[in-house]
Amino acid sequence: MSNPLDRYKDSHHEFQQDSEINLVENPFDLFIEWFQFASDSKELEANAFVLGTSSLDHQSSMRIVYLKDIVAQQFVFYTNYNSQKGQEIAENPIVSMLFFYPSISRQIRIEGVCKKVDMELSDAYFKSRPRGSQLGAWASHQSEVLVNSSDLKGRMAELEVRFPNEVPRPEHWGGFQIEPTRFEFWLGKTSRLHERIVFEPQGDGWKNYRKNP
């Protein structure tokens, strides 16, 4: 049987040989610069990132979520608070984020502390969502076992009747904000001597240093 990974053994990304990381004092400035470059480069869903959480028994879990805003230098995303990630954040608010941009050979790793956003912010974002997404926030018992898909369809039909006009935000759905405690920016090089720059808090600002690739 052939190895499905054989075609990747000698593969190489189109690394940007001559580019270098633009050192700045504030990592948020560099994040915005890279995020904008990824968006301008038609990177698919540049606001998608891997969110890592862990339970009290140290079992880690990861999933893709979407960055929706940056408020007061905190990263905001939205989800069901009763979901697995919501429950794990309630137990252990220390989380990680990973943005990966393969077409431009860059990734951003972020570590931080997570908490719920103010209700007003969740309300405002919920109102901006399509009606189907609003109803889905009520209908889905996220992360629970779904015995029959018809149950979910039935709940959606009931909610269409229950909320014929405006759909209020359910209390179990809303935003989280992540306050970063560490950034690492990675820039791929053809030589494989990739650039890695770390930012960590120092006093009222940030210190930065390079790491070996």
C-alpha atoms as a PDB file:
ATOM      1  CA  MET A   1       0.000   0.000   0.000  1.00  0.00           C
ATOM      2  CA  SER A   2       1.398   3.400  -0.981  1.00  0.00           C
ATOM      3  CA  ASN A   3       2.032   5.991   1.666  1.00  0.00           C
ATOM      4  CA  PRO A   4      -0.409   8.905   1.189  1.00  0.00           C
ATOM      5  CA  LEU A   5       2.247  11.270   2.562  1.00  0.00           C
ATOM      6  CA  ASP A   6       4.878  10.343  -0.045  1.00  0.00           C
ATOM      7  CA  ARG A   7       4.057  13.314  -2.234  1.00  0.00           C
ATOM      8  CA  TYR A   8       4.830  15.691   0.637  1.00  0.00           C
ATOM      9  CA  LYS A   9       8.289  14.343   1.517  1.00  0.00           C
ATOM     10  CA  ASP A  10      10.195  16.529  -0.920  1.00  0.00           C
ATOM     11  CA  SER A  11       7.673  19.341  -1.253  1.00  0.00           C
ATOM     12  CA  HIS A  12       8.637  22.928  -0.613  1.00  0.00           C
ATOM     13  CA  HIS A  13       6.577  26.036  -0.124  1.00  0.00           C
ATOM     14  CA  GLU A  14       7.350  29.144  -2.132  1.00  0.00           C
ATOM     15  CA  PHE A  15       9.170  30.807   0.735  1.00  0.00           C
ATOM     16  CA  GLN A  16       9.968  34.495   0.518  1.00  0.00           C
ATOM     17  CA  GLN A  17      13.753  34.373   0.461  1.00  0.00           C
ATOM     18  CA  ASP A  18      14.457  38.089   0.701  1.00  0.00           C
ATOM     19  CA  SER A  19      11.718  39.204   3.058  1.00  0.00           C
ATOM     20  CA  GLU A  20      12.400  39.947   6.703  1.00  0.00           C
ATOM     21  CA  ILE A  21      10.236  40.548   9.740  1.00  0.00           C
ATOM     22  CA  ASN A  22       9.646  44.232  10.306  1.00  0.00           C
ATOM     23  CA  LEU A  23      10.541  44.716  13.961  1.00  0.00           C
ATOM     24  CA  VAL A  24       8.201  47.032  15.846  1.00  0.00           C
ATOM     25  CA  GLU A  25       7.699  47.845  19.517  1.00  0.00           C
ATOM     26  CA  ASN A  26       4.082  46.683  19.706  1.00  0.00           C
ATOM     27  CA  PRO A  27       3.218  43.173  18.433  1.00  0.00           C
ATOM     28  CA  PHE A  28      -0.326  44.294  17.622  1.00  0.00           C
ATOM     29  CA  ASP A  29       1.112  46.605  14.950  1.00  0.00           C
ATOM     30  CA  LEU A  30       2.943  43.651  13.406  1.00  0.00           C
ATOM     31  CA  PHE A  31      -0.160  41.472  13.680  1.00  0.00           C
ATOM     32  CA  ILE A  32      -2.256  44.052  11.809  1.00  0.00           C
ATOM     33  CA  GLU A  33       0.467  44.380   9.159  1.00  0.00           C
ATOM     34  CA  TRP A  34       0.590  40.616   8.578  1.00  0.00           C
ATOM     35  CA  PHE A  35      -3.179  40.212   8.729  1.00  0.00           C
ATOM     36  CA  GLN A  36      -3.635  42.939   6.127  1.00  0.00           C
ATOM     37  CA  PHE A  37      -0.950  41.405   3.913  1.00  0.00           C
ATOM     38  CA  ALA A  38      -2.632  37.990   4.166  1.00  0.00           C
ATOM     39  CA  SER A  39      -5.988  39.538   3.232  1.00  0.00           C
ATOM     40  CA  ASP A  40      -4.479  41.468   0.312  1.00  0.00           C
ATOM     41  CA  SER A  41      -2.728  38.274  -0.841  1.00  0.00           C
ATOM     42  CA  LYS A  42      -6.118  36.531  -1.116  1.00  0.00           C
ATOM     43  CA  GLU A  43      -5.230  34.135   1.694  1.00  0.00           C
ATOM     44  CA  LEU A  44      -8.327  31.982   2.222  1.00  0.00           C
ATOM     45  CA  GLU A  45     -10.213  33.179   5.328  1.00  0.00           C
ATOM     46  CA  ALA A  46      -7.379  35.194   6.817  1.00  0.00           C
ATOM     47  CA  ASN A  47      -9.378  35.674  10.033  1.00  0.00           C
ATOM     48  CA  ALA A  48      -9.599  31.919  10.708  1.00  0.00           C
ATOM     49  CA  PHE A  49      -7.415  30.630  13.526  1.00  0.00           C
ATOM     50  CA  VAL A  50      -6.869  27.481  15.541  1.00  0.00           C
ATOM     51  CA  LEU A  51      -8.088  27.947  19.113  1.00  0.00           C
ATOM     52  CA  GLY A  52      -6.466  25.670  21.653  1.00  0.00           C
ATOM     53  CA  THR A  53      -8.063  25.009  25.045  1.00  0.00           C
ATOM     54  CA  SER A  54      -7.501  22.421  27.738  1.00  0.00           C
ATOM     55  CA  SER A  55      -9.590  20.736  30.391  1.00  0.00           C
ATOM     56  CA  LEU A  56      -8.790  20.469  34.097  1.00  0.00           C
ATOM     57  CA  ASP A  57      -7.349  16.994  33.485  1.00  0.00           C
ATOM     58  CA  HIS A  58      -4.884  18.548  30.982  1.00  0.00           C
ATOM     59  CA  GLN A  59      -6.513  17.161  27.827  1.00  0.00           C
ATOM     60  CA  SER A  60      -5.988  19.707  25.069  1.00  0.00           C
ATOM     61  CA  SER A  61      -8.435  20.302  22.216  1.00  0.00           C
ATOM     62  CA  MET A  62      -8.329  22.455  19.106  1.00  0.00           C
ATOM     63  CA  ARG A  63     -10.740  23.785  16.533  1.00  0.00           C
ATOM     64  CA  ILE A  64     -11.017  26.521  13.902  1.00  0.00           C
ATOM     65  CA  VAL A  65     -12.857  29.701  14.905  1.00  0.00           C
ATOM     66  CA  TYR A  66     -13.031  33.179  13.363  1.00  0.00           C
ATOM     67  CA  LEU A  67     -11.522  36.393  14.643  1.00  0.00           C
ATOM     68  CA  LYS A  68     -14.299  38.994  14.529  1.00  0.00           C
ATOM     69  CA  ASP A  69     -12.775  42.036  16.176  1.00  0.00           C
ATOM     70  CA  ILE A  70      -9.855  43.474  18.122  1.00  0.00           C
ATOM     71  CA  VAL A  71     -11.092  45.544  21.052  1.00  0.00           C
ATOM     72  CA  ALA A  72      -8.674  47.295  23.436  1.00  0.00           C
ATOM     73  CA  GLN A  73      -5.875  45.024  22.146  1.00  0.00           C
ATOM     74  CA  GLN A  74      -7.855  41.866  22.814  1.00  0.00           C
ATOM     75  CA  PHE A  75      -8.922  39.335  20.186  1.00  0.00           C
ATOM     76  CA  VAL A  76     -12.672  38.672  20.010  1.00  0.00           C
ATOM     77  CA  PHE A  77     -14.534  35.603  18.733  1.00  0.00           C
ATOM     78  CA  TYR A  78     -18.058  34.289  19.291  1.00  0.00           C
ATOM     79  CA  THR A  79     -19.424  30.877  20.206  1.00  0.00           C
ATOM     80  CA  ASN A  80     -21.876  28.875  22.287  1.00  0.00           C
ATOM     81  CA  TYR A  81     -20.822  29.172  25.943  1.00  0.00           C
ATOM     82  CA  ASN A  82     -22.133  25.636  26.590  1.00  0.00           C
ATOM     83  CA  SER A  83     -19.883  24.124  23.909  1.00  0.00           C
ATOM     84  CA  GLN A  84     -16.794  22.106  24.767  1.00  0.00           C
ATOM     85  CA  LYS A  85     -14.532  25.108  24.224  1.00  0.00           C
ATOM     86  CA  GLY A  86     -16.857  27.310  26.267  1.00  0.00           C
ATOM     87  CA  GLN A  87     -16.835  24.899  29.187  1.00  0.00           C
ATOM     88  CA  GLU A  88     -13.071  24.398  29.008  1.00  0.00           C
ATOM     89  CA  ILE A  89     -12.465  28.159  28.963  1.00  0.00           C
ATOM     90  CA  ALA A  90     -14.685  28.473  32.054  1.00  0.00           C
ATOM     91  CA  GLU A  91     -12.514  25.869  33.791  1.00  0.00           C
ATOM     92  CA  ASN A  92      -9.153  27.036  32.463  1.00  0.00           C
ATOM     93  CA  PRO A  93      -9.003  30.459  30.769  1.00  0.00           C
ATOM     94  CA  ILE A  94      -5.440  30.017  29.460  1.00  0.00           C
ATOM     95  CA  VAL A  95      -5.707  29.477  25.687  1.00  0.00           C
ATOM     96  CA  SER A  96      -3.646  29.569  22.503  1.00  0.00           C
ATOM     97  CA  MET A  97      -4.247  30.889  18.992  1.00  0.00           C
ATOM     98  CA  LEU A  98      -2.609  29.985  15.676  1.00  0.00           C
ATOM     99  CA  PHE A  99      -2.979  31.858  12.393  1.00  0.00           C
ATOM    100  CA  PHE A 100      -1.403  30.008   9.426  1.00  0.00           C
ATOM    101  CA  TYR A 101      -0.949  31.625   6.016  1.00  0.00           C
ATOM    102  CA  PRO A 102       0.620  29.011   3.701  1.00  0.00           C
ATOM    103  CA  SER A 103       0.548  31.056   0.495  1.00  0.00           C
ATOM    104  CA  ILE A 104       2.757  33.752   2.051  1.00  0.00           C
ATOM    105  CA  SER A 105       4.730  31.398   4.333  1.00  0.00           C
ATOM    106  CA  ARG A 106       3.778  32.987   7.623  1.00  0.00           C
ATOM    107  CA  GLN A 107       2.246  31.935  10.901  1.00  0.00           C
ATOM    108  CA  ILE A 108       1.400  33.741  14.123  1.00  0.00           C
ATOM    109  CA  ARG A 109       1.201  31.966  17.459  1.00  0.00           C
ATOM    110  CA  ILE A 110      -0.443  33.722  20.386  1.00  0.00           C
ATOM    111  CA  GLU A 111      -0.899  32.687  24.010  1.00  0.00           C
ATOM    112  CA  GLY A 112      -3.277  34.481  26.320  1.00  0.00           C
ATOM    113  CA  VAL A 113      -6.054  34.586  28.870  1.00  0.00           C
ATOM    114  CA  CYS A 114      -9.686  34.374  27.803  1.00  0.00           C
ATOM    115  CA  LYS A 115     -12.864  35.809  29.297  1.00  0.00           C
ATOM    116  CA  LYS A 116     -16.378  36.732  28.167  1.00  0.00           C
ATOM    117  CA  VAL A 117     -16.938  40.082  26.481  1.00  0.00           C
ATOM    118  CA  ASP A 118     -19.480  42.585  27.791  1.00  0.00           C
ATOM    119  CA  MET A 119     -23.074  41.615  27.031  1.00  0.00           C
ATOM    120  CA  GLU A 120     -23.575  44.791  24.990  1.00  0.00           C
ATOM    121  CA  LEU A 121     -20.851  43.719  22.557  1.00  0.00           C
ATOM    122  CA  SER A 122     -22.371  40.242  22.200  1.00  0.00           C
ATOM    123  CA  ASP A 123     -25.823  41.756  21.657  1.00  0.00           C
ATOM    124  CA  ALA A 124     -24.560  44.089  18.943  1.00  0.00           C
ATOM    125  CA  TYR A 125     -22.743  41.338  17.055  1.00  0.00           C
ATOM    126  CA  PHE A 126     -25.657  38.901  17.368  1.00  0.00           C
ATOM    127  CA  LYS A 127     -27.982  41.476  15.771  1.00  0.00           C
ATOM    128  CA  SER A 128     -25.634  41.708  12.781  1.00  0.00           C
ATOM    129  CA  ARG A 129     -25.836  37.955  12.053  1.00  0.00           C
ATOM    130  CA  PRO A 130     -28.138  36.452   9.400  1.00  0.00           C
ATOM    131  CA  ARG A 131     -31.480  35.239  10.723  1.00  0.00           C
ATOM    132  CA  GLY A 132     -30.577  31.601  10.071  1.00  0.00           C
ATOM    133  CA  SER A 133     -27.437  31.924  12.180  1.00  0.00           C
ATOM    134  CA  GLN A 134     -29.410  33.595  14.952  1.00  0.00           C
ATOM    135  CA  LEU A 135     -31.948  30.774  15.032  1.00  0.00           C
ATOM    136  CA  GLY A 136     -29.147  28.229  14.851  1.00  0.00           C
ATOM    137  CA  ALA A 137     -27.622  29.667  18.023  1.00  0.00           C
ATOM    138  CA  TRP A 138     -30.865  28.749  19.787  1.00  0.00           C
ATOM    139  CA  ALA A 139     -31.433  25.411  18.055  1.00  0.00           C
ATOM    140  CA  SER A 140     -27.984  23.840  18.383  1.00  0.00           C
ATOM    141  CA  HIS A 141     -27.081  22.199  21.684  1.00  0.00           C
ATOM    142  CA  GLN A 142     -23.471  22.562  20.635  1.00  0.00           C
ATOM    143  CA  SER A 143     -21.084  19.690  21.441  1.00  0.00           C
ATOM    144  CA  GLU A 144     -23.887  17.499  22.846  1.00  0.00           C
ATOM    145  CA  VAL A 145     -24.753  14.149  21.243  1.00  0.00           C
ATOM    146  CA  LEU A 146     -27.271  14.489  18.389  1.00  0.00           C
ATOM    147  CA  VAL A 147     -29.290  11.266  18.193  1.00  0.00           C
ATOM    148  CA  ASN A 148     -31.341  12.254  15.170  1.00  0.00           C
ATOM    149  CA  SER A 149     -30.767  15.137  12.759  1.00  0.00           C
ATOM    150  CA  SER A 150     -34.534  15.553  12.506  1.00  0.00           C
ATOM    151  CA  ASP A 151     -34.480  16.798  16.115  1.00  0.00           C
ATOM    152  CA  LEU A 152     -32.358  19.763  15.070  1.00  0.00           C
ATOM    153  CA  LYS A 153     -34.590  20.493  12.085  1.00  0.00           C
ATOM    154  CA  GLY A 154     -37.622  20.289  14.351  1.00  0.00           C
ATOM    155  CA  ARG A 155     -36.152  22.799  16.787  1.00  0.00           C
ATOM    156  CA  MET A 156     -35.391  25.178  13.915  1.00  0.00           C
ATOM    157  CA  ALA A 157     -38.994  24.942  12.701  1.00  0.00           C
ATOM    158  CA  GLU A 158     -40.303  25.651  16.198  1.00  0.00           C
ATOM    159  CA  LEU A 159     -38.018  28.655  16.554  1.00  0.00           C
ATOM    160  CA  GLU A 160     -39.203  30.117  13.250  1.00  0.00           C
ATOM    161  CA  VAL A 161     -42.664  30.267  14.821  1.00  0.00           C
ATOM    162  CA  ARG A 162     -41.448  31.383  18.251  1.00  0.00           C
ATOM    163  CA  PHE A 163     -39.453  34.289  16.816  1.00  0.00           C
ATOM    164  CA  PRO A 164     -41.346  35.542  13.732  1.00  0.00           C
ATOM    165  CA  ASN A 165     -39.530  38.880  13.792  1.00  0.00           C
ATOM    166  CA  GLU A 166     -36.454  39.843  15.806  1.00  0.00           C
ATOM    167  CA  VAL A 167     -34.432  36.989  17.294  1.00  0.00           C
ATOM    168  CA  PRO A 168     -32.998  37.819  20.739  1.00  0.00           C
ATOM    169  CA  ARG A 169     -29.530  36.639  21.703  1.00  0.00           C
ATOM    170  CA  PRO A 170     -29.660  33.517  23.887  1.00  0.00           C
ATOM    171  CA  GLU A 171     -27.810  33.817  27.178  1.00  0.00           C
ATOM    172  CA  HIS A 172     -25.696  30.780  26.322  1.00  0.00           C
ATOM    173  CA  TRP A 173     -24.228  32.442  23.211  1.00  0.00           C
ATOM    174  CA  GLY A 174     -21.800  35.332  23.036  1.00  0.00           C
ATOM    175  CA  GLY A 175     -18.259  36.582  22.678  1.00  0.00           C
ATOM    176  CA  PHE A 176     -14.919  35.796  24.250  1.00  0.00           C
ATOM    177  CA  GLN A 177     -11.920  38.118  24.319  1.00  0.00           C
ATOM    178  CA  ILE A 178      -8.337  36.925  24.517  1.00  0.00           C
ATOM    179  CA  GLU A 179      -5.728  39.111  26.171  1.00  0.00           C
ATOM    180  CA  PRO A 180      -2.344  38.066  24.736  1.00  0.00           C
ATOM    181  CA  THR A 181       0.560  37.230  27.015  1.00  0.00           C
ATOM    182  CA  ARG A 182       2.897  36.096  24.236  1.00  0.00           C
ATOM    183  CA  PHE A 183       3.271  36.424  20.452  1.00  0.00           C
ATOM    184  CA  GLU A 184       5.511  34.483  18.090  1.00  0.00           C
ATOM    185  CA  PHE A 185       5.804  35.496  14.432  1.00  0.00           C
ATOM    186  CA  TRP A 186       7.244  32.931  11.989  1.00  0.00           C
ATOM    187  CA  LEU A 187       8.409  33.772   8.474  1.00  0.00           C
ATOM    188  CA  GLY A 188       9.422  30.946   6.146  1.00  0.00           C
ATOM    189  CA  LYS A 189      12.734  31.037   4.278  1.00  0.00           C
ATOM    190  CA  THR A 190      13.913  28.941   1.318  1.00  0.00           C
ATOM    191  CA  SER A 191      17.094  28.126   3.258  1.00  0.00           C
ATOM    192  CA  ARG A 192      14.917  26.689   6.053  1.00  0.00           C
ATOM    193  CA  LEU A 193      16.596  29.209   8.351  1.00  0.00           C
ATOM    194  CA  HIS A 194      13.196  30.628   9.122  1.00  0.00           C
ATOM    195  CA  GLU A 195      12.733  33.819  11.115  1.00  0.00           C
ATOM    196  CA  ARG A 196      11.073  33.605  14.538  1.00  0.00           C
ATOM    197  CA  ILE A 197      10.396  36.696  16.623  1.00  0.00           C
ATOM    198  CA  VAL A 198       8.851  36.461  20.098  1.00  0.00           C
ATOM    199  CA  PHE A 199       7.120  39.284  21.989  1.00  0.00           C
ATOM    200  CA  GLU A 200       6.522  39.059  25.740  1.00  0.00           C
ATOM    201  CA  PRO A 201       5.220  41.661  28.211  1.00  0.00           C
ATOM    202  CA  GLN A 202       7.779  43.838  29.958  1.00  0.00           C
ATOM    203  CA  GLY A 203       6.600  46.605  32.248  1.00  0.00           C
ATOM    204  CA  ASP A 204       4.059  48.705  30.374  1.00  0.00           C
ATOM    205  CA  GLY A 205       5.288  47.489  27.005  1.00  0.00           C
ATOM    206  CA  TRP A 206       6.753  44.481  25.230  1.00  0.00           C
ATOM    207  CA  LYS A 207      10.213  42.985  24.844  1.00  0.00           C
ATOM    208  CA  ASN A 208      11.149  40.981  21.756  1.00  0.00           C
ATOM    209  CA  TYR A 209      13.846  38.496  20.856  1.00  0.00           C
ATOM    210  CA  ARG A 210      14.705  36.073  18.092  1.00  0.00           C
ATOM    211  CA  LYS A 211      14.627  32.269  18.317  1.00  0.00           C
ATOM    212  CA  ASN A 212      16.488  29.671  16.308  1.00  0.00           C
ATOM    213  CA  PRO A 213      14.400  28.200  13.482  1.00  0.00           C
END
